């Protein structure tokens, strides 16, 4: 949830992105209140990144476009972790897998923009790395509803699709059964 994807002046603005900000904020607050690890993924490209051969220049490391939107800035004092990436998947050439394994986390819960691109790519790689996958349907979006639904449909083949409320209820149910939840 970076400026270049959410702000209307952003290089790859996802016009529906601003609509999911309150749901993601709700989920982050819920995670903090329930001792669930929050990981923020930050696209941070090199100035002449190869990705720019097929996409507009966006989210260059250290620029406004690569910064998190104000409503969803990482709260490192609460234990939030930041993974910087240069490709669609948060697993591709990053330390995301290492971090999750060190923290003994077995489930990845996904939110964010471009359900059909970055969210789906990260979901696929999470599966390939052996993680359970949950995608939050009202905490993800794409440029249009068809793209969003396409991404969710793909993820639904191997992961679970929950609304924010369904996810929170599932977590509360697991807590009441004394199960560890991520």
Protein backbone atom coordinates (compact mmCIF):
# COMPACT_ATOMS: atom_id res chain seq x y z
CA UNK A 1 0.00 0.00 0.00
CA UNK A 2 2.41 2.54 -1.39
CA UNK A 3 1.92 6.04 -2.77
CA UNK A 4 2.59 4.97 -6.37
CA UNK A 5 -0.27 2.44 -6.15
CA UNK A 6 -2.83 4.27 -4.00
CA UNK A 7 -2.42 8.02 -4.53
CA UNK A 8 -4.12 9.38 -7.65
CA UNK A 9 -0.76 10.92 -8.65
CA UNK A 10 0.96 7.55 -8.36
CA UNK A 11 2.69 6.01 -11.36
CA UNK A 12 0.60 2.80 -11.18
CA UNK A 13 -2.42 4.07 -9.28
CA UNK A 14 -4.98 1.34 -8.71
CA UNK A 15 -8.16 3.39 -8.77
CA UNK A 16 -9.94 1.05 -6.33
CA UNK A 17 -7.02 0.93 -3.91
CA UNK A 18 -8.18 3.70 -1.61
CA UNK A 19 -11.42 1.77 -0.95
CA UNK A 20 -9.62 -1.06 0.87
CA UNK A 21 -7.50 1.11 3.16
CA UNK A 22 -10.05 1.04 6.05
CA UNK A 23 -10.30 -2.78 5.91
CA UNK A 24 -6.53 -3.19 5.92
CA UNK A 25 -6.25 -0.71 8.82
CA UNK A 26 -8.86 -2.75 10.69
CA UNK A 27 -6.90 -5.95 10.06
CA UNK A 28 -3.58 -4.42 11.13
CA UNK A 29 -5.16 -3.15 14.36
CA UNK A 30 -6.73 -6.57 14.95
CA UNK A 31 -3.37 -8.26 14.37
CA UNK A 32 -1.61 -5.92 16.79
CA UNK A 33 -4.33 -6.48 19.42
CA UNK A 34 -4.04 -10.26 19.04
CA UNK A 35 -0.26 -10.65 18.86
CA UNK A 36 -0.32 -11.61 15.17
CA UNK A 37 2.80 -10.70 13.18
CA UNK A 38 2.28 -7.91 10.63
CA UNK A 39 4.57 -7.79 7.60
CA UNK A 40 4.54 -4.82 5.23
CA UNK A 41 5.76 -5.43 1.71
CA UNK A 42 7.42 -2.45 0.08
CA UNK A 43 8.23 -2.34 -3.59
CA UNK A 44 11.63 -0.64 -3.80
CA UNK A 45 13.08 -0.76 -7.30
CA UNK A 46 16.52 0.24 -8.51
CA UNK A 47 16.58 3.38 -10.63
CA UNK A 48 17.06 1.40 -13.86
CA UNK A 49 15.25 -1.76 -12.80
CA UNK A 50 14.60 -4.32 -15.52
CA UNK A 51 10.91 -4.31 -14.51
CA UNK A 52 10.64 -0.90 -16.16
CA UNK A 53 11.04 -2.50 -19.58
CA UNK A 54 7.45 -3.76 -19.28
CA UNK A 55 5.92 -1.36 -16.75
CA UNK A 56 6.15 2.37 -16.11
CA UNK A 57 8.84 3.57 -13.71
CA UNK A 58 7.33 3.21 -10.24
CA UNK A 59 8.22 2.71 -6.56
CA UNK A 60 11.90 3.56 -6.93
CA UNK A 61 13.63 2.98 -3.59
CA UNK A 62 13.86 6.13 -1.49
CA UNK A 63 11.20 8.07 -3.44
CA UNK A 64 7.72 9.26 -2.50
CA UNK A 65 6.25 6.57 -4.75
CA UNK A 66 7.90 3.79 -2.75
CA UNK A 67 6.73 5.18 0.61
CA UNK A 68 3.82 3.63 2.49
CA UNK A 69 0.60 5.64 2.50
CA UNK A 70 0.19 7.57 5.78
CA UNK A 71 -2.75 5.44 6.98
CA UNK A 72 -0.74 2.24 6.77
CA UNK A 73 2.78 3.14 7.78
CA UNK A 74 4.58 0.23 9.47
CA UNK A 75 4.59 0.37 13.26
CA UNK A 76 7.96 -1.14 14.02
CA UNK A 77 7.54 -0.38 17.73
CA UNK A 78 4.67 -2.91 17.62
CA UNK A 79 6.85 -5.49 15.89
CA UNK A 80 5.88 -4.86 12.26
CA UNK A 81 8.43 -6.15 9.78
CA UNK A 82 9.19 -4.68 6.34
CA UNK A 83 10.10 -6.79 3.32
CA UNK A 84 11.45 -4.87 0.35
CA UNK A 85 10.89 -6.41 -3.07
CA UNK A 86 11.63 -5.67 -6.72
CA UNK A 87 9.41 -8.28 -8.35
CA UNK A 88 5.72 -9.17 -8.14
CA UNK A 89 6.07 -11.75 -5.40
CA UNK A 90 7.14 -10.83 -1.87
CA UNK A 91 9.13 -14.10 -1.89
CA UNK A 92 11.15 -13.43 -5.03
CA UNK A 93 14.76 -12.62 -4.05
CA UNK A 94 13.79 -11.29 -0.58
CA UNK A 95 14.20 -12.50 3.00
CA UNK A 96 10.44 -13.04 3.46
CA UNK A 97 10.66 -16.85 3.61
CA UNK A 98 13.60 -16.72 6.03
CA UNK A 99 11.75 -14.30 8.30
CA UNK A 100 8.59 -16.44 8.36
CA UNK A 101 10.57 -19.60 9.12
CA UNK A 102 12.56 -17.90 11.89
CA UNK A 103 9.30 -16.73 13.44
CA UNK A 104 7.74 -20.20 12.97
CA UNK A 105 4.85 -18.75 10.98
CA UNK A 106 2.99 -21.24 8.78
CA UNK A 107 0.21 -19.09 7.31
CA UNK A 108 0.37 -16.04 5.07
CA UNK A 109 -2.64 -13.68 5.11
CA UNK A 110 -2.66 -11.37 2.10
CA UNK A 111 -4.06 -7.90 1.57
CA UNK A 112 -3.21 -5.14 -0.88
CA UNK A 113 -3.59 -3.97 -4.43
CA UNK A 114 -3.43 -5.69 -7.75
CA UNK A 115 -5.07 -8.96 -6.65
CA UNK A 116 -4.38 -10.38 -10.10
CA UNK A 117 -0.65 -9.51 -10.09
CA UNK A 118 1.32 -9.02 -6.85
CA UNK A 119 -1.20 -10.60 -4.48
CA UNK A 120 -1.64 -13.66 -6.69
CA UNK A 121 2.13 -13.98 -7.29
CA UNK A 122 2.85 -13.82 -3.56
CA UNK A 123 0.04 -16.30 -2.85
CA UNK A 124 1.43 -18.77 -5.40
CA UNK A 125 4.94 -18.48 -4.01
CA UNK A 126 3.64 -18.89 -0.45
CA UNK A 127 2.10 -22.19 -1.52
CA UNK A 128 5.32 -23.27 -3.27
CA UNK A 129 7.24 -22.51 -0.06
CA UNK A 130 4.83 -24.66 1.98
CA UNK A 131 2.70 -22.00 3.67
CA UNK A 132 -1.04 -21.94 4.18
CA UNK A 133 -2.58 -19.10 2.18
CA UNK A 134 -5.45 -16.82 3.15
CA UNK A 135 -6.49 -13.92 0.96
CA UNK A 136 -8.76 -11.21 2.33
CA UNK A 137 -11.37 -10.52 -0.36
CA UNK A 138 -12.37 -7.06 0.88
CA UNK A 139 -8.75 -6.20 1.77
CA UNK A 140 -7.52 -6.70 -1.80
CA UNK A 141 -8.48 -5.09 -5.10
CA UNK A 142 -7.41 -4.41 -8.66
CA UNK A 143 -8.03 -1.78 -11.30
CA UNK A 144 -11.46 -3.26 -12.01
CA UNK A 145 -13.73 -5.93 -10.58
CA UNK A 146 -12.94 -8.48 -13.31
CA UNK A 147 -9.21 -8.32 -12.53
CA UNK A 148 -9.90 -8.61 -8.80
CA UNK A 149 -12.25 -11.57 -9.20
CA UNK A 150 -9.81 -13.26 -11.57
CA UNK A 151 -7.05 -13.03 -8.97
CA UNK A 152 -9.32 -14.31 -6.18
CA UNK A 153 -10.53 -17.17 -8.37
CA UNK A 154 -6.93 -18.26 -9.01
CA UNK A 155 -5.97 -18.04 -5.33
CA UNK A 156 -9.12 -19.94 -4.32
CA UNK A 157 -7.76 -23.02 -6.11
CA UNK A 158 -5.10 -23.50 -3.41
CA UNK A 159 -5.86 -21.01 -0.63
CA UNK A 160 -8.74 -19.73 1.46
CA UNK A 161 -10.65 -16.58 0.61
CA UNK A 162 -12.09 -14.77 3.65
CA UNK A 163 -13.69 -11.40 4.18
CA UNK A 164 -12.24 -9.27 6.98
CA UNK A 165 -15.03 -10.33 9.31
CA UNK A 166 -14.73 -14.03 8.40
CA UNK A 167 -10.99 -13.91 9.09
CA UNK A 168 -11.43 -12.18 12.45
CA UNK A 169 -14.09 -14.71 13.48
CA UNK A 170 -11.85 -17.62 12.44
CA UNK A 171 -8.98 -16.20 14.51
CA UNK A 172 -11.22 -15.65 17.54
CA UNK A 173 -12.50 -19.22 17.20
CA UNK A 174 -8.95 -20.61 17.11
CA UNK A 175 -7.95 -18.50 20.12
CA UNK A 176 -10.90 -19.85 22.06
CA UNK A 177 -9.64 -23.36 21.27
CA UNK A 178 -6.14 -22.49 22.53
CA UNK A 179 -4.59 -22.95 19.09
CA UNK A 180 -1.68 -20.82 17.95
CA UNK A 181 -2.70 -18.43 15.18
CA UNK A 182 -0.63 -16.44 12.74
